[in-house]
Amino acid sequence: MKCITIKEVAQIAGVSANTVSRALRGESGVSVETRQHITEVAARLGYEPNIVASHLRTQKNRTIGVIVIDNSNPFYAEVLKGIENACKSRGYQILISNTQGDPAREEQAIRLMFSYRVRGMIIDPVPNSGDDRVRLLLKRQVAFVLASHYFPGLEANWVGYDDHMVGRALGNLVLDKGHERILFFGGFPGDSTYDDRFAGFQEALAHRGIECRNDCIAHFHVDYDTAYRRMKLLLTGPRSFTAVLAYNDIAALAAMAAIKEEGLLVPGDVAVAGVDDIAMTGLVDPGLTTMHLPKEEAGKLASELLIDCIESCAPPRRVMLKPSLVMRGSV
């Protein structure tokens, strides 16, 4: 598709390119009649401003890069909503990239943001893959905020959740329901979210004098299909668990589907709990008991933290949001 240029608008309008530029930017020195005429010509021709070129000319880029792990997960839709609304209110726009949990794609996304000269980045880093790519941001002295996942020992802006509380609260919940054989389902050690939730879960078990058994831990990178297949496999032999504490709601919903397909009842035979409180958790039968994470608020706070850092060189801060239990019928 051919892009209409300012020169072409100027030629049709019968004015100079500089006059067109000033008119479309709303600057003074252009009469009301001329401005209206130029605007009408530009609209008729389908002219769209080249924002990137304008940023390079004026050095006033107000674009923020946002890099997420999996934008097909409804969790990120709510986070992105908070980011977009907060950025818009502060006069910034966003450029979104999805890594699909791949470190190579993450590095490509970061370098793409460099090429667009973004003012800063909000990034949910790929877990279990080291912090080299995030340190690239430090090396380039680009303002950034980590979202959800973090790297211990790396001093950086971070907005996330009290995941230790998540693991402890869900552990206590299923223990209070009489379950002692609880499957911790999904994720890998080395992922800050997993580590904090698992530590909270272990604390809940230890407080009751219950040992966390190796056959009640299932490690895998979470997506719906993988979680479904893993649960089906776990149900083929003697079942070592009566409750499932899932890494997130996607894993929990997949587990519920597999459990019900095997003719088992939720929660009668197997109780299931998730984390995130994504939209569909209240639509399944039974509804999924989960920990609500304030996702939109996290996106808003991450944006405000980043913009404050961009505009006033504020020192790094860590913001931890509190989750809350949403009790439904699956436990």
Protein backbone atom coordinates (compact mmCIF):
# COMPACT_ATOMS: atom_id res chain seq x y z
CA MET A 1 0.00 0.00 0.00
CA LYS A 2 1.39 3.39 -1.03
CA CYS A 3 1.81 5.90 1.78
CA ILE A 4 0.82 9.48 1.02
CA THR A 5 3.58 11.96 1.87
CA ILE A 6 3.46 15.55 3.10
CA LYS A 7 4.91 16.66 -0.24
CA GLU A 8 1.98 15.08 -2.09
CA VAL A 9 -0.52 16.76 0.25
CA ALA A 10 1.28 20.07 -0.29
CA GLN A 11 1.20 19.66 -4.09
CA ILE A 12 -2.55 19.02 -4.17
CA ALA A 13 -3.28 21.75 -1.61
CA GLY A 14 -1.14 24.27 -3.46
CA VAL A 15 1.02 25.17 -0.44
CA SER A 16 4.51 24.34 0.79
CA ALA A 17 5.36 21.10 2.62
CA ASN A 18 6.40 23.19 5.62
CA THR A 19 2.95 24.80 5.74
CA VAL A 20 1.29 21.38 5.61
CA SER A 21 3.53 20.13 8.43
CA ARG A 22 2.74 23.14 10.64
CA ALA A 23 -0.97 22.97 9.87
CA LEU A 24 -1.31 19.28 10.68
CA ARG A 25 0.67 19.70 13.92
CA GLY A 26 -1.60 22.55 15.00
CA GLU A 27 1.20 25.12 15.08
CA SER A 28 0.68 28.88 14.71
CA GLY A 29 1.37 30.85 11.55
CA VAL A 30 -1.27 29.14 9.41
CA SER A 31 -4.63 30.82 8.76
CA VAL A 32 -7.84 29.08 9.75
CA GLU A 33 -8.92 28.80 6.11
CA THR A 34 -5.58 27.32 4.98
CA ARG A 35 -5.50 24.89 7.91
CA GLN A 36 -9.02 23.69 7.10
CA HIS A 37 -8.17 23.32 3.40
CA ILE A 38 -5.00 21.30 4.18
CA THR A 39 -6.86 19.09 6.66
CA GLU A 40 -9.56 18.33 4.08
CA VAL A 41 -6.97 17.49 1.40
CA ALA A 42 -5.01 15.26 3.78
CA ALA A 43 -8.16 13.40 4.79
CA ARG A 44 -9.25 12.94 1.18
CA LEU A 45 -5.86 11.53 0.19
CA GLY A 46 -5.70 9.26 3.25
CA TYR A 47 -2.56 10.87 4.65
CA GLU A 48 -1.26 9.33 7.91
CA PRO A 49 1.66 10.89 9.80
CA ASN A 50 4.91 8.91 10.04
CA ILE A 51 5.20 8.85 13.81
CA VAL A 52 8.59 7.12 13.90
CA ALA A 53 10.12 9.67 11.53
CA SER A 54 8.55 12.49 13.53
CA HIS A 55 10.06 11.11 16.73
CA LEU A 56 13.49 10.91 15.13
CA ARG A 57 13.23 14.53 13.93
CA THR A 58 11.90 16.04 17.13
CA GLN A 59 13.57 13.76 19.70
CA LYS A 60 10.18 13.57 21.45
CA ASN A 61 9.47 9.84 21.21
CA ARG A 62 6.71 8.95 23.64
CA THR A 63 6.54 5.24 22.89
CA ILE A 64 6.96 2.53 25.52
CA GLY A 65 7.82 -1.06 24.62
CA VAL A 66 5.87 -3.86 26.29
CA ILE A 67 7.20 -7.42 26.12
CA VAL A 68 5.05 -10.28 27.43
CA ILE A 69 5.49 -14.03 27.53
CA ASP A 70 2.17 -15.20 26.07
CA ASN A 71 -0.47 -12.75 24.89
CA SER A 72 -2.86 -15.66 24.20
CA ASN A 73 -3.19 -16.08 27.98
CA PRO A 74 -6.13 -13.93 29.20
CA PHE A 75 -3.96 -12.94 32.17
CA TYR A 76 -1.93 -10.66 29.91
CA ALA A 77 -5.01 -9.09 28.31
CA GLU A 78 -5.91 -7.53 31.67
CA VAL A 79 -2.33 -6.46 32.39
CA LEU A 80 -2.08 -4.85 28.96
CA LYS A 81 -5.37 -3.03 29.52
CA GLY A 82 -3.90 -1.41 32.63
CA ILE A 83 -0.69 -0.53 30.80
CA GLU A 84 -2.46 0.99 27.80
CA ASN A 85 -4.88 3.08 29.87
CA ALA A 86 -2.15 4.43 32.15
CA CYS A 87 0.20 5.23 29.26
CA LYS A 88 -2.55 6.98 27.32
CA SER A 89 -3.39 9.16 30.32
CA ARG A 90 0.27 10.23 30.52
CA GLY A 91 0.56 10.91 26.77
CA TYR A 92 2.46 7.76 25.80
CA GLN A 93 1.69 5.01 23.31
CA ILE A 94 2.76 1.36 23.53
CA LEU A 95 4.43 -1.12 21.20
CA ILE A 96 3.73 -4.76 22.16
CA SER A 97 5.83 -7.85 21.46
CA ASN A 98 5.22 -11.48 22.45
CA THR A 99 8.10 -13.86 23.27
CA GLN A 100 6.14 -17.13 23.62
CA GLY A 101 8.51 -17.96 26.46
CA ASP A 102 11.49 -18.19 24.08
CA PRO A 103 14.73 -16.45 25.22
CA ALA A 104 15.82 -15.90 21.60
CA ARG A 105 12.52 -14.20 20.77
CA GLU A 106 12.87 -12.12 23.91
CA GLU A 107 16.26 -10.81 22.77
CA GLN A 108 14.83 -10.09 19.31
CA ALA A 109 11.96 -8.19 20.92
CA ILE A 110 14.31 -6.10 23.06
CA ARG A 111 16.47 -5.23 20.03
CA LEU A 112 13.33 -4.37 18.06
CA MET A 113 12.39 -1.93 20.82
CA PHE A 114 15.89 -0.42 20.61
CA SER A 115 15.40 0.10 16.86
CA TYR A 116 12.14 1.95 17.50
CA ARG A 117 13.94 4.16 20.03
CA VAL A 118 11.35 3.48 22.74
CA ARG A 119 11.72 5.60 25.87
CA GLY A 120 11.50 2.59 28.15
CA MET A 121 10.21 -0.97 28.45
CA ILE A 122 7.87 -3.03 30.59
CA ILE A 123 8.94 -6.64 30.34
CA ASP A 124 7.75 -9.90 31.87
CA PRO A 125 11.03 -11.79 31.43
CA VAL A 126 11.23 -15.39 30.29
CA PRO A 127 11.82 -17.44 33.46
CA ASN A 128 14.47 -20.15 33.85
CA SER A 129 16.67 -18.53 31.22
CA GLY A 130 19.00 -16.16 33.06
CA ASP A 131 19.05 -12.39 33.19
CA ASP A 132 21.47 -11.66 30.33
CA ARG A 133 18.83 -10.00 28.18
CA VAL A 134 17.60 -7.81 31.01
CA ARG A 135 21.18 -6.80 31.76
CA LEU A 136 21.36 -5.65 28.14
CA LEU A 137 18.83 -2.99 29.13
CA LEU A 138 21.06 -1.92 32.00
CA LYS A 139 24.03 -1.76 29.66
CA ARG A 140 22.11 0.44 27.22
CA GLN A 141 20.82 2.54 30.14
CA VAL A 142 17.21 2.08 29.01
CA ALA A 143 14.56 2.61 31.67
CA PHE A 144 12.59 -0.58 32.33
CA VAL A 145 10.20 -2.26 34.75
CA LEU A 146 10.03 -6.00 35.33
CA ALA A 147 6.48 -7.35 35.59
CA SER A 148 5.53 -10.48 37.58
CA HIS A 149 8.83 -12.37 37.21
CA TYR A 150 12.07 -11.03 38.64
CA PHE A 151 15.68 -12.04 39.15
CA PRO A 152 16.97 -12.29 42.73
CA GLY A 153 20.00 -10.07 43.21
CA LEU A 154 19.18 -7.81 40.25
CA GLU A 155 18.31 -4.31 41.41
CA ALA A 156 15.54 -3.14 39.11
CA ASN A 157 12.04 -1.71 39.03
CA TRP A 158 9.51 -4.48 39.59
CA VAL A 159 5.74 -4.74 39.91
CA GLY A 160 4.31 -8.12 40.87
CA TYR A 161 2.39 -10.13 43.40
CA ASP A 162 2.95 -11.71 46.81
CA ASP A 163 3.41 -15.20 45.38
CA HIS A 164 4.62 -16.62 48.69
CA MET A 165 1.23 -15.67 50.13
CA VAL A 166 -0.47 -17.31 47.12
CA GLY A 167 1.20 -20.67 47.78
CA ARG A 168 0.64 -20.51 51.53
CA ALA A 169 -3.02 -19.47 51.29
CA LEU A 170 -3.95 -22.13 48.72
CA GLY A 171 -1.98 -24.75 50.64
CA ASN A 172 -3.84 -23.93 53.84
CA LEU A 173 -7.15 -23.91 51.99
CA VAL A 174 -6.88 -27.44 50.64
CA LEU A 175 -5.36 -28.68 53.91
CA ASP A 176 -8.35 -27.25 55.78
CA LYS A 177 -10.58 -29.26 53.43
CA GLY A 178 -8.91 -32.44 54.67
CA HIS A 179 -6.44 -33.04 51.82
CA GLU A 180 -2.88 -34.07 52.59
CA ARG A 181 -1.83 -35.50 49.21
CA ILE A 182 -1.69 -32.29 47.19
CA LEU A 183 -0.21 -32.14 43.68
CA PHE A 184 1.79 -28.97 42.93
CA PHE A 185 1.06 -28.79 39.22
CA GLY A 186 3.15 -26.83 36.69
CA GLY A 187 6.14 -24.53 36.50
CA PHE A 188 9.84 -25.11 37.14
CA PRO A 189 12.31 -24.24 39.92
CA GLY A 190 14.31 -21.16 39.01
CA ASP A 191 11.17 -19.25 37.96
CA SER A 192 10.68 -16.59 40.66
CA THR A 193 6.90 -17.04 40.56
CA TYR A 194 7.18 -20.80 40.95
CA ASP A 195 9.84 -20.58 43.67
CA ASP A 196 7.84 -18.14 45.78
CA ARG A 197 4.57 -20.04 45.43
CA PHE A 198 6.20 -23.38 46.14
CA ALA A 199 7.96 -21.95 49.21
CA GLY A 200 4.61 -20.71 50.54
CA PHE A 201 3.02 -24.10 49.84
CA GLN A 202 5.84 -25.90 51.66
CA GLU A 203 5.42 -23.56 54.61
CA ALA A 204 1.74 -24.48 54.84
CA LEU A 205 2.59 -28.20 54.76
CA ALA A 206 5.40 -27.89 57.30
CA HIS A 207 3.12 -26.04 59.72
CA ARG A 208 0.88 -29.15 59.72
CA GLY A 209 3.83 -31.54 59.95
CA ILE A 210 3.24 -32.88 56.42
CA GLU A 211 6.08 -33.75 54.07
CA CYS A 212 6.03 -32.55 50.46
CA ARG A 213 6.43 -35.77 48.44
CA ASN A 214 8.31 -35.90 45.13
CA ASP A 215 5.49 -37.83 43.49
CA CYS A 216 3.21 -34.85 44.21
CA ILE A 217 5.22 -32.38 42.13
CA ALA A 218 4.76 -32.07 38.35
CA HIS A 219 7.17 -29.79 36.49
CA PHE A 220 6.36 -28.52 33.00
CA HIS A 221 6.17 -25.28 30.99
CA VAL A 222 2.55 -24.29 31.28
CA ASP A 223 0.16 -24.04 28.36
CA TYR A 224 -3.28 -25.61 28.15
CA ASP A 225 -2.40 -28.58 25.92
CA THR A 226 0.71 -29.51 27.89
CA ALA A 227 -1.16 -29.30 31.22
CA TYR A 228 -4.02 -31.40 29.84
CA ARG A 229 -1.69 -34.11 28.56
CA ARG A 230 0.31 -34.16 31.78
CA MET A 231 -2.83 -34.57 33.91
CA LYS A 232 -4.11 -37.38 31.67
CA LEU A 233 -0.77 -39.13 32.13
CA LEU A 234 -0.87 -38.67 35.91
CA LEU A 235 -4.32 -40.25 36.01
CA THR A 236 -3.33 -43.42 34.10
CA GLY A 237 -1.81 -45.15 37.12
CA PRO A 238 -2.50 -45.18 40.85
CA ARG A 239 -3.42 -41.64 41.83
CA SER A 240 -1.03 -40.15 44.40
CA PHE A 241 -3.09 -37.01 45.07
CA THR A 242 -6.56 -35.90 46.08
CA ALA A 243 -6.07 -32.19 45.34
CA VAL A 244 -4.32 -30.12 42.67
CA LEU A 245 -2.69 -26.75 43.32
CA ALA A 246 -2.00 -25.44 39.81
CA TYR A 247 0.65 -22.93 38.77
CA ASN A 248 -2.03 -20.80 37.11
CA ASP A 249 -5.64 -20.92 35.96
CA ILE A 250 -4.74 -22.25 32.50
CA ALA A 251 -3.11 -25.31 34.10
CA ALA A 252 -6.02 -25.66 36.54
CA LEU A 253 -8.68 -25.54 33.82
CA ALA A 254 -6.78 -28.11 31.75
CA ALA A 255 -6.45 -30.34 34.79
CA MET A 256 -10.18 -30.10 35.52
CA ALA A 257 -11.04 -31.07 31.95
CA ALA A 258 -8.76 -34.12 32.09
CA ILE A 259 -10.02 -35.17 35.51
CA LYS A 260 -13.68 -34.98 34.46
CA GLU A 261 -12.97 -36.91 31.25
CA GLU A 262 -11.65 -39.76 33.40
CA GLY A 263 -15.04 -39.96 35.12
CA LEU A 264 -13.82 -38.35 38.34
CA LEU A 265 -15.67 -35.66 40.23
CA VAL A 266 -14.37 -32.18 41.02
CA PRO A 267 -14.11 -31.63 43.96
CA GLY A 268 -15.55 -34.97 45.16
CA ASP A 269 -12.60 -37.07 43.92
CA VAL A 270 -10.04 -34.36 43.19
CA ALA A 271 -10.12 -30.75 44.37
CA VAL A 272 -8.54 -28.17 42.05
CA ALA A 273 -7.31 -24.62 42.72
CA GLY A 274 -5.67 -22.13 40.38
CA VAL A 275 -4.05 -18.70 40.37
CA ASP A 276 -4.87 -15.51 38.39
CA ASP A 277 -8.70 -15.38 38.34
CA ILE A 278 -8.97 -15.01 34.57
CA ALA A 279 -12.43 -14.39 33.13
CA MET A 280 -13.45 -17.96 32.28
CA THR A 281 -12.80 -19.37 35.78
CA GLY A 282 -16.34 -18.53 36.83
CA LEU A 283 -17.89 -20.04 33.69
CA VAL A 284 -16.79 -23.67 34.08
CA ASP A 285 -18.71 -26.23 36.16
CA PRO A 286 -17.84 -26.24 38.96
CA GLY A 287 -16.39 -22.74 39.08
CA LEU A 288 -12.66 -22.68 39.71
CA THR A 289 -11.43 -21.66 43.14
CA THR A 290 -8.49 -19.35 42.51
CA MET A 291 -6.36 -16.53 43.83
CA HIS A 292 -7.31 -13.22 42.29
CA LEU A 293 -4.31 -11.20 41.15
CA PRO A 294 -4.94 -7.47 40.50
CA LYS A 295 -3.71 -7.67 36.93
CA GLU A 296 -5.04 -4.41 35.52
CA GLU A 297 -3.74 -2.54 38.58
CA ALA A 298 -0.32 -4.16 38.08
CA GLY A 299 -0.22 -2.89 34.49
CA LYS A 300 -1.22 0.59 35.58
CA LEU A 301 1.40 0.73 38.34
CA ALA A 302 4.13 -0.64 36.06
CA SER A 303 3.39 2.10 33.53
CA GLU A 304 3.38 4.86 36.13
CA LEU A 305 6.59 3.56 37.68
CA LEU A 306 8.29 3.46 34.29
CA ILE A 307 7.12 6.92 33.21
CA ASP A 308 8.25 8.38 36.54
CA CYS A 309 11.62 6.78 35.93
CA ILE A 310 11.78 8.20 32.38
CA GLU A 311 10.71 11.71 33.32
CA SER A 312 12.41 12.17 36.70
CA CYS A 313 15.11 9.46 36.88
CA ALA A 314 13.43 7.98 39.96
CA PRO A 315 15.46 5.25 41.73
CA PRO A 316 14.41 1.57 41.31
CA ARG A 317 11.36 0.50 43.30
CA ARG A 318 9.63 -2.80 44.02
CA VAL A 319 5.84 -2.86 44.24
CA MET A 320 4.20 -6.02 45.58
CA LEU A 321 0.43 -6.36 45.20
CA LYS A 322 -1.69 -8.53 47.49
CA PRO A 323 -3.76 -11.38 46.03
CA SER A 324 -7.16 -12.38 47.35
CA LEU A 325 -8.96 -15.72 47.47
CA VAL A 326 -11.96 -16.31 45.20
CA MET A 327 -13.82 -19.31 46.56
CA ARG A 328 -15.87 -21.29 44.05
CA GLY A 329 -16.94 -24.90 43.78
CA SER A 330 -13.76 -26.73 42.71
CA VAL A 331 -12.34 -27.11 46.26
